[in-house]
Amino acid sequence: MKFLINATDVNGNSILLPTPVSMEVYASLDTPSNALVLTLPCLNPTAELTHIDVRVDGKLVFSGIVDEQTAAYCSKGCILKINARSHSALLIDNEAIPATYHTPSLADIFSKHAKSYGIKGFLGDNGVCDCDFTVKKGVSEWEVIENFCRSVLKVNPLITNDGFLDARVNRKSVHYTFSNNRNGDLKFTSAKVKRQRYGTLSQVAYKLATHSDYIYACPNDDAVERKIIRRRLLNLSSNAPEFNEYRIKSTIQKSKADSFEITIEVPNVCITELYSTADFSDALLGEFTGLCIKEYAFIIKPSGVFSRITLCPPENLKVL
């Protein structure tokens, strides 16, 4: 693999960094911001860095802002450690200005809450909210974007590696098949299948008025079938009525996110595409099809290069 790492310092100078000793690029659907931890030889005095791009075999796997850099001397010489997050970290770091928008579109939300932070544009239909959309104090810019996309567009948004807000319902994705049994499939060195019962809700009970009882209930049929008993209560009396259904079902949906996962390590492969589809097969662990990538880590260590992939059923990520 060929690595090309470019950084920009506080004076605007472009710096070509050496091949790293170790590196980890991490991304998850739980956050819009990818993370980078980089350790490399410190060959020359380095000014304060602001931005960094990492390419592997010509493919951009990380572009973002430097959070922390540390130069240190040890028995092996001088090393430079860099911690960075993708540009979308600014959407998490900045609080949104409270506002109420009358029938806003995705373009309106993008213009008010993403464009000024360097997000290049949005992918997907310019959907419109058919009612007022309120931004409350204390939420981040990303929470505004995420709430709009999930409640209005019915899609989980993400920020692409090249800096676009992706709000497409149907995303083009790479398909992977992981198996040690068949020729042509990606071979793995380790795999684990996790079924988690804790945290999954079987029912959400709710009330619509302050002084009423919790007389309404929404079940999670999957949890009931798995004989899970776990209930949560929602007071929707102060909620905008048009978003009640979304809040109820999203509460159940979030509880399902970690209920089933397969984690795999694949040597000498750089996989950095969230939402990509995947199949997994193993004689002892089982055969699972129609999964998707919910998080990945691309890792370089002195012992080798590998990708760590976490798969889950797409219905656990579905926006209702």
C-alpha atoms as a PDB file:
ATOM      1  CA  MET A   1       0.000   0.000   0.000  1.00  0.00           C
ATOM      2  CA  LYS A   2       1.146   3.521  -0.833  1.00  0.00           C
ATOM      3  CA  PHE A   3       0.476   6.279   1.693  1.00  0.00           C
ATOM      4  CA  LEU A   4       0.323   9.984   0.897  1.00  0.00           C
ATOM      5  CA  ILE A   5      -0.125  12.245   3.937  1.00  0.00           C
ATOM      6  CA  ASN A   6      -0.374  16.000   3.469  1.00  0.00           C
ATOM      7  CA  ALA A   7      -0.758  18.518   6.283  1.00  0.00           C
ATOM      8  CA  THR A   8      -1.257  22.276   6.440  1.00  0.00           C
ATOM      9  CA  ASP A   9       0.315  24.367   9.183  1.00  0.00           C
ATOM     10  CA  VAL A  10      -1.009  27.486  10.861  1.00  0.00           C
ATOM     11  CA  ASN A  11       0.939  29.645   8.395  1.00  0.00           C
ATOM     12  CA  GLY A  12      -0.750  28.028   5.395  1.00  0.00           C
ATOM     13  CA  ASN A  13       2.263  25.965   4.355  1.00  0.00           C
ATOM     14  CA  SER A  14       1.702  22.501   2.880  1.00  0.00           C
ATOM     15  CA  ILE A  15       3.792  19.736   4.455  1.00  0.00           C
ATOM     16  CA  LEU A  16       4.325  16.210   3.139  1.00  0.00           C
ATOM     17  CA  LEU A  17       4.550  13.894   6.137  1.00  0.00           C
ATOM     18  CA  PRO A  18       6.559  10.621   6.172  1.00  0.00           C
ATOM     19  CA  THR A  19       5.104   7.116   6.143  1.00  0.00           C
ATOM     20  CA  PRO A  20       3.498   6.498   9.547  1.00  0.00           C
ATOM     21  CA  VAL A  21       4.725   4.077  12.172  1.00  0.00           C
ATOM     22  CA  SER A  22       1.113   3.489  13.148  1.00  0.00           C
ATOM     23  CA  MET A  23      -2.246   4.892  12.095  1.00  0.00           C
ATOM     24  CA  GLU A  24      -5.917   4.357  12.820  1.00  0.00           C
ATOM     25  CA  VAL A  25      -8.810   5.888  10.912  1.00  0.00           C
ATOM     26  CA  TYR A  26     -12.106   5.289  12.658  1.00  0.00           C
ATOM     27  CA  ALA A  27     -15.662   6.024  11.537  1.00  0.00           C
ATOM     28  CA  SER A  28     -19.086   5.121  12.908  1.00  0.00           C
ATOM     29  CA  LEU A  29     -22.700   5.824  12.072  1.00  0.00           C
ATOM     30  CA  ASP A  30     -23.059   6.987  15.685  1.00  0.00           C
ATOM     31  CA  THR A  31     -21.202  10.212  14.865  1.00  0.00           C
ATOM     32  CA  PRO A  32     -20.697  12.305  11.707  1.00  0.00           C
ATOM     33  CA  SER A  33     -17.033  12.853  12.513  1.00  0.00           C
ATOM     34  CA  ASN A  34     -14.314  10.378  11.563  1.00  0.00           C
ATOM     35  CA  ALA A  35     -11.239  10.163  13.796  1.00  0.00           C
ATOM     36  CA  LEU A  36      -7.536   9.816  13.007  1.00  0.00           C
ATOM     37  CA  VAL A  37      -4.687   8.821  15.329  1.00  0.00           C
ATOM     38  CA  LEU A  38      -1.316   9.026  13.614  1.00  0.00           C
ATOM     39  CA  THR A  39       2.198   8.287  14.884  1.00  0.00           C
ATOM     40  CA  LEU A  40       5.140   9.023  12.589  1.00  0.00           C
ATOM     41  CA  PRO A  41       8.848   9.866  12.688  1.00  0.00           C
ATOM     42  CA  CYS A  42       9.530  13.507  13.523  1.00  0.00           C
ATOM     43  CA  LEU A  43      12.273  14.307  11.006  1.00  0.00           C
ATOM     44  CA  ASN A  44      12.111  18.100  11.161  1.00  0.00           C
ATOM     45  CA  PRO A  45      10.728  20.761  13.515  1.00  0.00           C
ATOM     46  CA  THR A  46       6.975  20.938  12.833  1.00  0.00           C
ATOM     47  CA  ALA A  47       4.870  24.086  13.142  1.00  0.00           C
ATOM     48  CA  GLU A  48       1.358  23.944  14.583  1.00  0.00           C
ATOM     49  CA  LEU A  49      -0.790  21.918  12.167  1.00  0.00           C
ATOM     50  CA  THR A  50      -4.383  22.788  11.289  1.00  0.00           C
ATOM     51  CA  HIS A  51      -5.454  20.290   8.603  1.00  0.00           C
ATOM     52  CA  ILE A  52      -4.441  16.842   7.406  1.00  0.00           C
ATOM     53  CA  ASP A  53      -5.344  14.589   4.452  1.00  0.00           C
ATOM     54  CA  VAL A  54      -4.537  10.876   4.200  1.00  0.00           C
ATOM     55  CA  ARG A  55      -4.636   8.898   0.964  1.00  0.00           C
ATOM     56  CA  VAL A  56      -4.046   5.167   0.588  1.00  0.00           C
ATOM     57  CA  ASP A  57      -3.292   3.941  -2.948  1.00  0.00           C
ATOM     58  CA  GLY A  58      -4.729   7.208  -4.232  1.00  0.00           C
ATOM     59  CA  LYS A  59      -7.994   6.877  -2.265  1.00  0.00           C
ATOM     60  CA  LEU A  60      -8.860   9.633   0.216  1.00  0.00           C
ATOM     61  CA  VAL A  61      -9.507   7.870   3.532  1.00  0.00           C
ATOM     62  CA  PHE A  62      -9.361  10.891   5.830  1.00  0.00           C
ATOM     63  CA  SER A  63      -9.554  14.678   5.585  1.00  0.00           C
ATOM     64  CA  GLY A  64      -9.953  16.808   8.641  1.00  0.00           C
ATOM     65  CA  ILE A  65      -8.823  19.211  11.324  1.00  0.00           C
ATOM     66  CA  VAL A  66      -5.993  18.605  13.762  1.00  0.00           C
ATOM     67  CA  ASP A  67      -7.151  18.488  17.375  1.00  0.00           C
ATOM     68  CA  GLU A  68      -3.819  17.722  19.016  1.00  0.00           C
ATOM     69  CA  GLN A  69      -0.185  17.159  18.058  1.00  0.00           C
ATOM     70  CA  THR A  70       2.595  15.991  20.328  1.00  0.00           C
ATOM     71  CA  ALA A  71       6.292  15.772  19.516  1.00  0.00           C
ATOM     72  CA  ALA A  72       8.190  13.531  21.911  1.00  0.00           C
ATOM     73  CA  TYR A  73      11.689  12.137  22.249  1.00  0.00           C
ATOM     74  CA  CYS A  74      12.114   8.512  23.317  1.00  0.00           C
ATOM     75  CA  SER A  75      14.639   5.667  23.010  1.00  0.00           C
ATOM     76  CA  LYS A  76      13.588   5.126  19.388  1.00  0.00           C
ATOM     77  CA  GLY A  77      14.114   8.773  18.453  1.00  0.00           C
ATOM     78  CA  CYS A  78      11.726  11.669  18.000  1.00  0.00           C
ATOM     79  CA  ILE A  79       8.119  10.874  17.116  1.00  0.00           C
ATOM     80  CA  LEU A  80       5.119  13.017  16.216  1.00  0.00           C
ATOM     81  CA  LYS A  81       1.629  11.979  17.289  1.00  0.00           C
ATOM     82  CA  ILE A  82      -1.405  13.616  15.672  1.00  0.00           C
ATOM     83  CA  ASN A  83      -5.041  13.342  16.725  1.00  0.00           C
ATOM     84  CA  ALA A  84      -7.548  14.685  14.204  1.00  0.00           C
ATOM     85  CA  ARG A  85     -11.237  14.628  13.334  1.00  0.00           C
ATOM     86  CA  SER A  86     -12.917  15.116   9.992  1.00  0.00           C
ATOM     87  CA  HIS A  87     -14.245  18.580   9.089  1.00  0.00           C
ATOM     88  CA  SER A  88     -17.745  17.606  10.217  1.00  0.00           C
ATOM     89  CA  ALA A  89     -16.451  17.753  13.812  1.00  0.00           C
ATOM     90  CA  LEU A  90     -17.209  21.471  13.621  1.00  0.00           C
ATOM     91  CA  LEU A  91     -20.905  20.586  13.366  1.00  0.00           C
ATOM     92  CA  ILE A  92     -20.614  18.795  16.716  1.00  0.00           C
ATOM     93  CA  ASP A  93     -18.439  21.433  18.371  1.00  0.00           C
ATOM     94  CA  ASN A  94     -20.717  24.383  17.595  1.00  0.00           C
ATOM     95  CA  GLU A  95     -24.081  25.094  19.198  1.00  0.00           C
ATOM     96  CA  ALA A  96     -26.933  26.029  16.886  1.00  0.00           C
ATOM     97  CA  ILE A  97     -28.664  29.379  17.237  1.00  0.00           C
ATOM     98  CA  PRO A  98     -32.273  28.797  18.363  1.00  0.00           C
ATOM     99  CA  ALA A  99     -34.825  29.468  15.629  1.00  0.00           C
ATOM    100  CA  THR A 100     -38.192  28.465  14.241  1.00  0.00           C
ATOM    101  CA  TYR A 101     -38.361  27.878  10.491  1.00  0.00           C
ATOM    102  CA  HIS A 102     -41.615  27.911   8.540  1.00  0.00           C
ATOM    103  CA  THR A 103     -41.727  24.895   6.154  1.00  0.00           C
ATOM    104  CA  PRO A 104     -37.937  24.775   5.642  1.00  0.00           C
ATOM    105  CA  SER A 105     -36.254  22.685   2.966  1.00  0.00           C
ATOM    106  CA  LEU A 106     -33.053  20.680   3.233  1.00  0.00           C
ATOM    107  CA  ALA A 107     -31.338  23.511   1.341  1.00  0.00           C
ATOM    108  CA  ASP A 108     -32.470  25.945   4.048  1.00  0.00           C
ATOM    109  CA  ILE A 109     -31.149  23.743   6.852  1.00  0.00           C
ATOM    110  CA  PHE A 110     -27.888  23.187   4.982  1.00  0.00           C
ATOM    111  CA  SER A 111     -27.419  26.914   4.378  1.00  0.00           C
ATOM    112  CA  LYS A 112     -28.095  27.861   8.023  1.00  0.00           C
ATOM    113  CA  HIS A 113     -26.370  24.989   9.834  1.00  0.00           C
ATOM    114  CA  ALA A 114     -23.677  23.380   7.630  1.00  0.00           C
ATOM    115  CA  LYS A 115     -22.409  25.580   4.815  1.00  0.00           C
ATOM    116  CA  SER A 116     -20.386  27.984   6.959  1.00  0.00           C
ATOM    117  CA  TYR A 117     -18.408  25.072   8.456  1.00  0.00           C
ATOM    118  CA  GLY A 118     -16.922  24.045   5.127  1.00  0.00           C
ATOM    119  CA  ILE A 119     -19.414  21.338   4.148  1.00  0.00           C
ATOM    120  CA  LYS A 120     -19.344  21.542   0.344  1.00  0.00           C
ATOM    121  CA  GLY A 121     -22.964  20.758  -0.485  1.00  0.00           C
ATOM    122  CA  PHE A 122     -25.672  18.155   0.011  1.00  0.00           C
ATOM    123  CA  LEU A 123     -26.585  14.975  -1.845  1.00  0.00           C
ATOM    124  CA  GLY A 124     -30.220  13.934  -2.119  1.00  0.00           C
ATOM    125  CA  ASP A 125     -33.606  15.467  -2.764  1.00  0.00           C
ATOM    126  CA  ASN A 126     -34.322  18.943  -1.429  1.00  0.00           C
ATOM    127  CA  GLY A 127     -37.152  17.719   0.800  1.00  0.00           C
ATOM    128  CA  VAL A 128     -39.443  20.222   2.522  1.00  0.00           C
ATOM    129  CA  CYS A 129     -40.952  20.105   6.020  1.00  0.00           C
ATOM    130  CA  ASP A 130     -44.709  20.669   5.795  1.00  0.00           C
ATOM    131  CA  CYS A 131     -44.864  22.447   9.176  1.00  0.00           C
ATOM    132  CA  ASP A 132     -42.742  24.637  11.431  1.00  0.00           C
ATOM    133  CA  PHE A 133     -39.346  23.211  12.417  1.00  0.00           C
ATOM    134  CA  THR A 134     -37.935  24.441  15.737  1.00  0.00           C
ATOM    135  CA  VAL A 135     -34.301  24.555  16.791  1.00  0.00           C
ATOM    136  CA  LYS A 136     -34.086  24.636  20.583  1.00  0.00           C
ATOM    137  CA  LYS A 137     -31.240  26.091  22.612  1.00  0.00           C
ATOM    138  CA  GLY A 138     -28.512  23.666  23.601  1.00  0.00           C
ATOM    139  CA  VAL A 139     -28.422  21.470  20.488  1.00  0.00           C
ATOM    140  CA  SER A 140     -25.446  21.242  18.162  1.00  0.00           C
ATOM    141  CA  GLU A 141     -25.497  22.122  14.476  1.00  0.00           C
ATOM    142  CA  TRP A 142     -25.271  18.397  13.726  1.00  0.00           C
ATOM    143  CA  GLU A 143     -28.285  17.583  15.900  1.00  0.00           C
ATOM    144  CA  VAL A 144     -30.341  20.079  13.881  1.00  0.00           C
ATOM    145  CA  ILE A 145     -29.299  18.452  10.604  1.00  0.00           C
ATOM    146  CA  GLU A 146     -29.797  14.942  11.943  1.00  0.00           C
ATOM    147  CA  ASN A 147     -33.229  15.702  13.414  1.00  0.00           C
ATOM    148  CA  PHE A 148     -34.407  17.306  10.170  1.00  0.00           C
ATOM    149  CA  CYS A 149     -33.157  14.450   7.986  1.00  0.00           C
ATOM    150  CA  ARG A 150     -34.588  11.746  10.229  1.00  0.00           C
ATOM    151  CA  SER A 151     -37.947  13.309  11.049  1.00  0.00           C
ATOM    152  CA  VAL A 152     -38.687  14.983   7.700  1.00  0.00           C
ATOM    153  CA  LEU A 153     -36.703  13.079   5.059  1.00  0.00           C
ATOM    154  CA  LYS A 154     -36.754   9.693   6.852  1.00  0.00           C
ATOM    155  CA  VAL A 155     -33.049   9.141   6.247  1.00  0.00           C
ATOM    156  CA  ASN A 156     -29.910   8.848   8.375  1.00  0.00           C
ATOM    157  CA  PRO A 157     -27.546  11.616   7.214  1.00  0.00           C
ATOM    158  CA  LEU A 158     -23.784  11.325   7.061  1.00  0.00           C
ATOM    159  CA  ILE A 159     -20.830  13.437   5.943  1.00  0.00           C
ATOM    160  CA  THR A 160     -18.834  11.831   3.130  1.00  0.00           C
ATOM    161  CA  ASN A 161     -15.034  11.567   3.189  1.00  0.00           C
ATOM    162  CA  ASP A 162     -14.877  14.356   0.595  1.00  0.00           C
ATOM    163  CA  GLY A 163     -17.033  16.710   2.664  1.00  0.00           C
ATOM    164  CA  PHE A 164     -20.632  16.493   1.430  1.00  0.00           C
ATOM    165  CA  LEU A 165     -23.802  16.090   3.495  1.00  0.00           C
ATOM    166  CA  ASP A 166     -25.283  12.831   2.215  1.00  0.00           C
ATOM    167  CA  ALA A 167     -29.053  12.761   2.713  1.00  0.00           C
ATOM    168  CA  ARG A 168     -29.869  10.265  -0.021  1.00  0.00           C
ATOM    169  CA  VAL A 169     -32.468   7.599   0.636  1.00  0.00           C
ATOM    170  CA  ASN A 170     -30.736   5.143  -1.708  1.00  0.00           C
ATOM    171  CA  ARG A 171     -26.960   5.335  -1.578  1.00  0.00           C
ATOM    172  CA  LYS A 172     -24.673   3.587  -4.024  1.00  0.00           C
ATOM    173  CA  SER A 173     -22.453   1.246  -2.072  1.00  0.00           C
ATOM    174  CA  VAL A 174     -19.743  -1.360  -2.461  1.00  0.00           C
ATOM    175  CA  HIS A 175     -20.734  -4.942  -1.623  1.00  0.00           C
ATOM    176  CA  TYR A 176     -18.379  -7.155   0.384  1.00  0.00           C
ATOM    177  CA  THR A 177     -18.506 -10.890   1.074  1.00  0.00           C
ATOM    178  CA  PHE A 178     -16.461 -12.158   4.018  1.00  0.00           C
ATOM    179  CA  SER A 179     -15.729 -15.883   4.098  1.00  0.00           C
ATOM    180  CA  ASN A 180     -12.748 -18.166   4.637  1.00  0.00           C
ATOM    181  CA  ASN A 181     -14.492 -21.009   2.837  1.00  0.00           C
ATOM    182  CA  ARG A 182     -14.929 -19.700  -0.713  1.00  0.00           C
ATOM    183  CA  ASN A 183     -12.451 -18.513  -3.333  1.00  0.00           C
ATOM    184  CA  GLY A 184     -12.721 -14.869  -4.236  1.00  0.00           C
ATOM    185  CA  ASP A 185     -14.250 -13.765  -0.923  1.00  0.00           C
ATOM    186  CA  LEU A 186     -12.438 -11.510   1.535  1.00  0.00           C
ATOM    187  CA  LYS A 187     -10.638 -13.604   4.118  1.00  0.00           C
ATOM    188  CA  PHE A 188     -10.750 -12.646   7.784  1.00  0.00           C
ATOM    189  CA  THR A 189      -8.322 -13.368  10.614  1.00  0.00           C
ATOM    190  CA  SER A 190     -10.869 -12.943  13.394  1.00  0.00           C
ATOM    191  CA  ALA A 191     -14.631 -12.610  13.739  1.00  0.00           C
ATOM    192  CA  LYS A 192     -17.191 -12.440  16.526  1.00  0.00           C
ATOM    193  CA  VAL A 193     -20.966 -12.464  16.486  1.00  0.00           C
ATOM    194  CA  LYS A 194     -22.661 -10.548  19.321  1.00  0.00           C
ATOM    195  CA  ARG A 195     -26.328 -10.706  20.285  1.00  0.00           C
ATOM    196  CA  GLN A 196     -27.192  -8.112  22.912  1.00  0.00           C
ATOM    197  CA  ARG A 197     -30.484  -8.270  24.765  1.00  0.00           C
ATOM    198  CA  TYR A 198     -29.751  -5.526  27.272  1.00  0.00           C
ATOM    199  CA  GLY A 199     -30.959  -2.087  26.192  1.00  0.00           C
ATOM    200  CA  THR A 200     -33.457  -3.265  23.586  1.00  0.00           C
ATOM    201  CA  LEU A 201     -36.960  -1.982  24.327  1.00  0.00           C
ATOM    202  CA  SER A 202     -40.005  -4.185  23.955  1.00  0.00           C
ATOM    203  CA  GLN A 203     -42.460  -1.327  24.455  1.00  0.00           C
ATOM    204  CA  VAL A 204     -42.756   2.438  24.666  1.00  0.00           C
ATOM    205  CA  ALA A 205     -45.729   3.708  26.669  1.00  0.00           C
ATOM    206  CA  TYR A 206     -46.633   7.364  26.242  1.00  0.00           C
ATOM    207  CA  LYS A 207     -49.061  10.107  27.164  1.00  0.00           C
ATOM    208  CA  LEU A 208     -50.177  13.109  25.136  1.00  0.00           C
ATOM    209  CA  ALA A 209     -51.336  15.444  27.932  1.00  0.00           C
ATOM    210  CA  THR A 210     -49.583  16.566  31.111  1.00  0.00           C
ATOM    211  CA  HIS A 211     -52.211  15.282  33.544  1.00  0.00           C
ATOM    212  CA  SER A 212     -53.179  12.105  31.688  1.00  0.00           C
ATOM    213  CA  ASP A 213     -51.896   8.584  32.273  1.00  0.00           C
ATOM    214  CA  TYR A 214     -49.588   6.563  30.049  1.00  0.00           C
ATOM    215  CA  ILE A 215     -52.504   4.878  28.314  1.00  0.00           C
ATOM    216  CA  TYR A 216     -50.922   4.485  24.863  1.00  0.00           C
ATOM    217  CA  ALA A 217     -48.316   1.904  23.922  1.00  0.00           C
ATOM    218  CA  CYS A 218     -46.148   1.083  20.922  1.00  0.00           C
ATOM    219  CA  PRO A 219     -44.583  -2.420  20.918  1.00  0.00           C
ATOM    220  CA  ASN A 220     -41.334  -3.598  19.396  1.00  0.00           C
ATOM    221  CA  ASP A 221     -42.402  -6.865  17.774  1.00  0.00           C
ATOM    222  CA  ASP A 222     -38.835  -8.071  17.291  1.00  0.00           C
ATOM    223  CA  ALA A 223     -38.072  -7.740  21.016  1.00  0.00           C
ATOM    224  CA  VAL A 224     -41.358  -9.417  21.955  1.00  0.00           C
ATOM    225  CA  GLU A 225     -40.471 -12.342  19.683  1.00  0.00           C
ATOM    226  CA  ARG A 226     -37.073 -12.573  21.400  1.00  0.00           C
ATOM    227  CA  LYS A 227     -38.864 -12.616  24.793  1.00  0.00           C
ATOM    228  CA  ILE A 228     -37.306  -9.332  25.895  1.00  0.00           C
ATOM    229  CA  ILE A 229     -39.274  -7.322  28.475  1.00  0.00           C
ATOM    230  CA  ARG A 230     -38.162  -3.697  28.774  1.00  0.00           C
ATOM    231  CA  ARG A 231     -40.439  -0.650  28.780  1.00  0.00           C
ATOM    232  CA  ARG A 232     -39.795   3.089  28.638  1.00  0.00           C
ATOM    233  CA  LEU A 233     -42.212   5.980  29.252  1.00  0.00           C
ATOM    234  CA  LEU A 234     -42.491   9.093  27.075  1.00  0.00           C
ATOM    235  CA  ASN A 235     -44.265  12.287  28.044  1.00  0.00           C
ATOM    236  CA  LEU A 236     -45.253  13.888  24.721  1.00  0.00           C
ATOM    237  CA  SER A 237     -47.410  16.652  26.178  1.00  0.00           C
ATOM    238  CA  SER A 238     -44.901  19.356  25.183  1.00  0.00           C
ATOM    239  CA  ASN A 239     -43.914  17.728  21.899  1.00  0.00           C
ATOM    240  CA  ALA A 240     -45.046  19.062  18.521  1.00  0.00           C
ATOM    241  CA  PRO A 241     -47.901  16.653  17.594  1.00  0.00           C
ATOM    242  CA  GLU A 242     -46.651  16.162  14.037  1.00  0.00           C
ATOM    243  CA  PHE A 243     -43.404  14.674  15.400  1.00  0.00           C
ATOM    244  CA  ASN A 244     -44.957  12.352  18.028  1.00  0.00           C
ATOM    245  CA  GLU A 245     -44.844   9.237  15.874  1.00  0.00           C
ATOM    246  CA  TYR A 246     -41.240   9.880  14.900  1.00  0.00           C
ATOM    247  CA  ARG A 247     -40.151  10.307  18.522  1.00  0.00           C
ATOM    248  CA  ILE A 248     -41.931   7.158  19.675  1.00  0.00           C
ATOM    249  CA  LYS A 249     -40.605   4.924  16.927  1.00  0.00           C
ATOM    250  CA  SER A 250     -37.122   6.420  16.953  1.00  0.00           C
ATOM    251  CA  THR A 251     -36.876   5.672  20.694  1.00  0.00           C
ATOM    252  CA  ILE A 252     -37.486   2.004  19.929  1.00  0.00           C
ATOM    253  CA  GLN A 253     -35.218   2.076  16.906  1.00  0.00           C
ATOM    254  CA  LYS A 254     -32.265   3.546  18.811  1.00  0.00           C
ATOM    255  CA  SER A 255     -32.582   0.778  21.394  1.00  0.00           C
ATOM    256  CA  LYS A 256     -32.111  -1.814  18.619  1.00  0.00           C
ATOM    257  CA  ALA A 257     -28.905  -0.308  17.236  1.00  0.00           C
ATOM    258  CA  ASP A 258     -26.499  -2.582  19.151  1.00  0.00           C
ATOM    259  CA  SER A 259     -28.716  -5.655  19.483  1.00  0.00           C
ATOM    260  CA  PHE A 260     -26.846  -7.646  16.809  1.00  0.00           C
ATOM    261  CA  GLU A 261     -23.320  -7.089  15.468  1.00  0.00           C
ATOM    262  CA  ILE A 262     -20.588  -8.990  13.651  1.00  0.00           C
ATOM    263  CA  THR A 263     -17.039  -7.643  14.037  1.00  0.00           C
ATOM    264  CA  ILE A 264     -14.408  -8.836  11.562  1.00  0.00           C
ATOM    265  CA  GLU A 265     -10.718  -8.164  11.006  1.00  0.00           C
ATOM    266  CA  VAL A 266      -9.512  -8.356   7.387  1.00  0.00           C
ATOM    267  CA  PRO A 267      -5.771  -8.121   6.599  1.00  0.00           C
ATOM    268  CA  ASN A 268      -4.234  -5.901   3.900  1.00  0.00           C
ATOM    269  CA  VAL A 269      -7.541  -4.307   2.884  1.00  0.00           C
ATOM    270  CA  CYS A 270      -8.620  -0.678   3.244  1.00  0.00           C
ATOM    271  CA  ILE A 271     -12.397  -0.572   3.745  1.00  0.00           C
ATOM    272  CA  THR A 272     -13.800   2.891   4.486  1.00  0.00           C
ATOM    273  CA  GLU A 273     -17.382   2.919   3.226  1.00  0.00           C
ATOM    274  CA  LEU A 274     -20.140   3.179   5.827  1.00  0.00           C
ATOM    275  CA  TYR A 275     -23.517   1.703   4.835  1.00  0.00           C
ATOM    276  CA  SER A 276     -21.862  -0.632   2.312  1.00  0.00           C
ATOM    277  CA  THR A 277     -23.654  -3.969   2.108  1.00  0.00           C
ATOM    278  CA  ALA A 278     -22.033  -7.216   3.194  1.00  0.00           C
ATOM    279  CA  ASP A 279     -22.515 -10.964   3.601  1.00  0.00           C
ATOM    280  CA  PHE A 280     -20.702 -13.106   6.164  1.00  0.00           C
ATOM    281  CA  SER A 281     -20.200 -16.861   6.243  1.00  0.00           C
ATOM    282  CA  ASP A 282     -18.446 -19.171   8.694  1.00  0.00           C
ATOM    283  CA  ALA A 283     -18.998 -22.851   9.421  1.00  0.00           C
ATOM    284  CA  LEU A 284     -19.240 -22.299  13.196  1.00  0.00           C
ATOM    285  CA  LEU A 285     -20.408 -18.705  13.583  1.00  0.00           C
ATOM    286  CA  GLY A 286     -23.103 -18.975  10.929  1.00  0.00           C
ATOM    287  CA  GLU A 287     -24.151 -17.415   7.643  1.00  0.00           C
ATOM    288  CA  PHE A 288     -25.648 -13.929   7.496  1.00  0.00           C
ATOM    289  CA  THR A 289     -26.665 -11.986   4.405  1.00  0.00           C
ATOM    290  CA  GLY A 290     -27.931  -8.488   3.692  1.00  0.00           C
ATOM    291  CA  LEU A 291     -25.907  -6.788   6.440  1.00  0.00           C
ATOM    292  CA  CYS A 292     -24.366  -3.318   6.277  1.00  0.00           C
ATOM    293  CA  ILE A 293     -21.222  -1.634   7.622  1.00  0.00           C
ATOM    294  CA  LYS A 294     -22.016   0.496  10.678  1.00  0.00           C
ATOM    295  CA  GLU A 295     -18.427   1.276  11.660  1.00  0.00           C
ATOM    296  CA  TYR A 296     -14.888   0.648  10.529  1.00  0.00           C
ATOM    297  CA  ALA A 297     -11.310   1.128  11.648  1.00  0.00           C
ATOM    298  CA  PHE A 298      -8.435   1.088   9.156  1.00  0.00           C
ATOM    299  CA  ILE A 299      -5.307   0.293  11.157  1.00  0.00           C
ATOM    300  CA  ILE A 300      -1.568   0.318  10.473  1.00  0.00           C
ATOM    301  CA  LYS A 301       0.730  -1.254  13.048  1.00  0.00           C
ATOM    302  CA  PRO A 302       4.308  -2.556  12.871  1.00  0.00           C
ATOM    303  CA  SER A 303       2.745  -6.030  12.762  1.00  0.00           C
ATOM    304  CA  GLY A 304       0.687  -5.276   9.660  1.00  0.00           C
ATOM    305  CA  VAL A 305      -2.233  -3.497   7.995  1.00  0.00           C
ATOM    306  CA  PHE A 306      -5.866  -4.477   8.439  1.00  0.00           C
ATOM    307  CA  SER A 307      -9.446  -3.247   8.548  1.00  0.00           C
ATOM    308  CA  ARG A 308     -11.786  -3.898  11.467  1.00  0.00           C
ATOM    309  CA  ILE A 309     -15.408  -3.873  10.281  1.00  0.00           C
ATOM    310  CA  THR A 310     -18.622  -3.951  12.303  1.00  0.00           C
ATOM    311  CA  LEU A 311     -21.725  -5.222  10.514  1.00  0.00           C
ATOM    312  CA  CYS A 312     -25.375  -5.093  11.527  1.00  0.00           C
ATOM    313  CA  PRO A 313     -28.801  -5.702   9.954  1.00  0.00           C
ATOM    314  CA  PRO A 314     -29.935  -2.610   8.026  1.00  0.00           C
ATOM    315  CA  GLU A 315     -33.314  -2.678   9.764  1.00  0.00           C
ATOM    316  CA  ASN A 316     -31.517  -1.800  13.022  1.00  0.00           C
ATOM    317  CA  LEU A 317     -30.557   1.510  11.410  1.00  0.00           C
ATOM    318  CA  LYS A 318     -33.808   2.170   9.594  1.00  0.00           C
ATOM    319  CA  VAL A 319     -35.477   5.534  10.089  1.00  0.00           C
ATOM    320  CA  LEU A 320     -39.183   5.099  10.838  1.00  0.00           C
END
